[in-house]
Amino acid sequence: MTNAALQKRIAKLEAELKLIKRVGMRRPNLAIDDKNWKKMKATVKKVRAELYKERYA
């Protein structure tokens, strides 16, 4: 194979690899974290308020 043919083939393979990486990498589902935060939010606020009162009151 000539140099130009090799470079062309390498460019095609690199483009295909980029496409595979982009399609294959899924973003994590953060809906579960949101649900957990909604459950814990009141407790966290309460604890933070108590700590603030202890330190700065």
N, C-alpha and C. Protein backbone atom coordinates (compact mmCIF):
# COMPACT_ATOMS: atom_id res chain seq x y z
N MET A 1 0.84 -1.19 0.00
CA MET A 1 0.00 0.00 0.00
C MET A 1 0.88 1.25 0.00
N THR A 2 0.37 2.23 -0.64
CA THR A 2 1.13 3.48 -0.69
C THR A 2 0.88 4.28 0.58
N ASN A 3 1.69 5.28 0.75
CA ASN A 3 1.57 6.15 1.93
C ASN A 3 0.22 6.85 1.97
N ALA A 4 -0.23 7.33 0.83
CA ALA A 4 -1.51 8.04 0.76
C ALA A 4 -2.67 7.11 1.11
N ALA A 5 -2.60 5.88 0.62
CA ALA A 5 -3.66 4.92 0.90
C ALA A 5 -3.71 4.58 2.39
N LEU A 6 -2.53 4.44 2.98
CA LEU A 6 -2.47 4.15 4.42
C LEU A 6 -3.03 5.32 5.24
N GLN A 7 -2.68 6.52 4.87
CA GLN A 7 -3.18 7.69 5.59
C GLN A 7 -4.70 7.80 5.47
N LYS A 8 -5.22 7.50 4.27
CA LYS A 8 -6.66 7.54 4.06
C LYS A 8 -7.37 6.50 4.92
N ARG A 9 -6.79 5.30 4.97
CA ARG A 9 -7.37 4.22 5.76
C ARG A 9 -7.32 4.55 7.26
N ILE A 10 -6.21 5.11 7.70
CA ILE A 10 -6.07 5.51 9.11
C ILE A 10 -7.10 6.58 9.46
N ALA A 11 -7.30 7.54 8.58
CA ALA A 11 -8.28 8.60 8.83
C ALA A 11 -9.68 8.03 8.95
N LYS A 12 -10.02 7.06 8.09
CA LYS A 12 -11.35 6.43 8.16
C LYS A 12 -11.52 5.67 9.47
N LEU A 13 -10.47 4.94 9.87
CA LEU A 13 -10.54 4.18 11.12
C LEU A 13 -10.66 5.11 12.33
N GLU A 14 -9.93 6.22 12.32
CA GLU A 14 -10.03 7.19 13.42
C GLU A 14 -11.42 7.79 13.50
N ALA A 15 -12.01 8.10 12.36
CA ALA A 15 -13.37 8.65 12.35
C ALA A 15 -14.36 7.63 12.88
N GLU A 16 -14.18 6.37 12.48
CA GLU A 16 -15.08 5.31 12.96
C GLU A 16 -14.92 5.12 14.46
N LEU A 17 -13.70 5.19 14.95
CA LEU A 17 -13.44 5.04 16.38
C LEU A 17 -14.09 6.17 17.17
N LYS A 18 -13.99 7.40 16.67
CA LYS A 18 -14.63 8.53 17.34
C LYS A 18 -16.14 8.34 17.41
N LEU A 19 -16.73 7.86 16.31
CA LEU A 19 -18.17 7.63 16.27
C LEU A 19 -18.57 6.56 17.28
N ILE A 20 -17.81 5.48 17.33
CA ILE A 20 -18.11 4.40 18.28
C ILE A 20 -18.01 4.90 19.71
N LYS A 21 -16.99 5.70 20.00
CA LYS A 21 -16.85 6.25 21.36
C LYS A 21 -18.02 7.14 21.71
N ARG A 22 -18.44 7.98 20.77
CA ARG A 22 -19.53 8.91 21.03
C ARG A 22 -20.84 8.16 21.26
N VAL A 23 -21.10 7.15 20.45
CA VAL A 23 -22.35 6.39 20.56
C VAL A 23 -22.30 5.47 21.78
N GLY A 24 -21.14 4.89 22.03
CA GLY A 24 -21.02 3.91 23.11
C GLY A 24 -21.02 4.50 24.50
N MET A 25 -20.60 5.74 24.65
CA MET A 25 -20.53 6.34 25.97
C MET A 25 -21.89 6.93 26.34
N ARG A 26 -22.56 6.27 27.23
CA ARG A 26 -23.86 6.74 27.69
C ARG A 26 -23.68 7.58 28.93
N ARG A 27 -24.52 8.56 29.08
CA ARG A 27 -24.48 9.40 30.28
C ARG A 27 -25.21 8.68 31.41
N PRO A 28 -24.75 8.86 32.63
CA PRO A 28 -25.40 8.20 33.76
C PRO A 28 -26.79 8.76 34.01
N ASN A 29 -27.66 7.90 34.52
CA ASN A 29 -29.02 8.30 34.85
C ASN A 29 -29.00 8.89 36.26
N LEU A 30 -29.23 10.18 36.37
CA LEU A 30 -29.17 10.85 37.66
C LEU A 30 -30.54 11.00 38.31
N ALA A 31 -31.57 10.40 37.73
CA ALA A 31 -32.91 10.50 38.29
C ALA A 31 -32.96 9.87 39.68
N ILE A 32 -32.23 8.80 39.89
CA ILE A 32 -32.21 8.14 41.20
C ILE A 32 -31.61 9.06 42.24
N ASP A 33 -30.55 9.78 41.89
CA ASP A 33 -29.93 10.72 42.81
C ASP A 33 -30.91 11.84 43.19
N ASP A 34 -31.68 12.31 42.21
CA ASP A 34 -32.68 13.35 42.49
C ASP A 34 -33.74 12.85 43.46
N LYS A 35 -34.18 11.61 43.27
CA LYS A 35 -35.18 11.04 44.17
C LYS A 35 -34.62 10.93 45.59
N ASN A 36 -33.40 10.45 45.70
CA ASN A 36 -32.77 10.32 47.02
C ASN A 36 -32.59 11.69 47.67
N TRP A 37 -32.21 12.69 46.89
CA TRP A 37 -32.02 14.03 47.44
C TRP A 37 -33.33 14.59 47.96
N LYS A 38 -34.42 14.37 47.23
CA LYS A 38 -35.72 14.87 47.68
C LYS A 38 -36.11 14.25 49.01
N LYS A 39 -35.76 12.98 49.20
CA LYS A 39 -36.08 12.31 50.47
C LYS A 39 -35.22 12.86 51.61
N MET A 40 -33.96 13.16 51.34
CA MET A 40 -33.02 13.56 52.39
C MET A 40 -32.95 15.07 52.62
N LYS A 41 -33.52 15.85 51.73
CA LYS A 41 -33.34 17.30 51.77
C LYS A 41 -33.80 17.90 53.10
N ALA A 42 -34.96 17.50 53.59
CA ALA A 42 -35.48 18.05 54.84
C ALA A 42 -34.54 17.73 56.01
N THR A 43 -34.05 16.50 56.05
CA THR A 43 -33.15 16.09 57.12
C THR A 43 -31.84 16.88 57.07
N VAL A 44 -31.31 17.05 55.89
CA VAL A 44 -30.06 17.79 55.73
C VAL A 44 -30.23 19.24 56.17
N LYS A 45 -31.34 19.85 55.77
CA LYS A 45 -31.59 21.24 56.18
C LYS A 45 -31.68 21.35 57.70
N LYS A 46 -32.35 20.39 58.31
CA LYS A 46 -32.53 20.40 59.76
C LYS A 46 -31.17 20.29 60.47
N VAL A 47 -30.35 19.36 60.03
CA VAL A 47 -29.04 19.16 60.64
C VAL A 47 -28.16 20.39 60.43
N ARG A 48 -28.18 20.97 59.24
CA ARG A 48 -27.39 22.17 58.99
C ARG A 48 -27.83 23.33 59.88
N ALA A 49 -29.14 23.47 60.07
CA ALA A 49 -29.65 24.53 60.93
C ALA A 49 -29.18 24.34 62.37
N GLU A 50 -29.22 23.10 62.85
CA GLU A 50 -28.77 22.81 64.21
C GLU A 50 -27.28 23.12 64.37
N LEU A 51 -26.49 22.70 63.40
CA LEU A 51 -25.05 22.97 63.46
C LEU A 51 -24.76 24.46 63.42
N TYR A 52 -25.49 25.19 62.62
CA TYR A 52 -25.31 26.63 62.53
C TYR A 52 -25.63 27.29 63.87
N LYS A 53 -26.72 26.86 64.50
CA LYS A 53 -27.11 27.42 65.80
C LYS A 53 -26.05 27.12 66.86
N GLU A 54 -25.51 25.91 66.84
CA GLU A 54 -24.48 25.53 67.82
C GLU A 54 -23.22 26.38 67.66
N ARG A 55 -22.82 26.63 66.44
CA ARG A 55 -21.56 27.31 66.20
C ARG A 55 -21.66 28.82 66.28
N TYR A 56 -22.76 29.38 65.80
CA TYR A 56 -22.82 30.83 65.66
C TYR A 56 -23.85 31.52 66.56
N ALA A 57 -24.59 30.76 67.35
CA ALA A 57 -25.60 31.40 68.20
C ALA A 57 -25.03 31.88 69.50
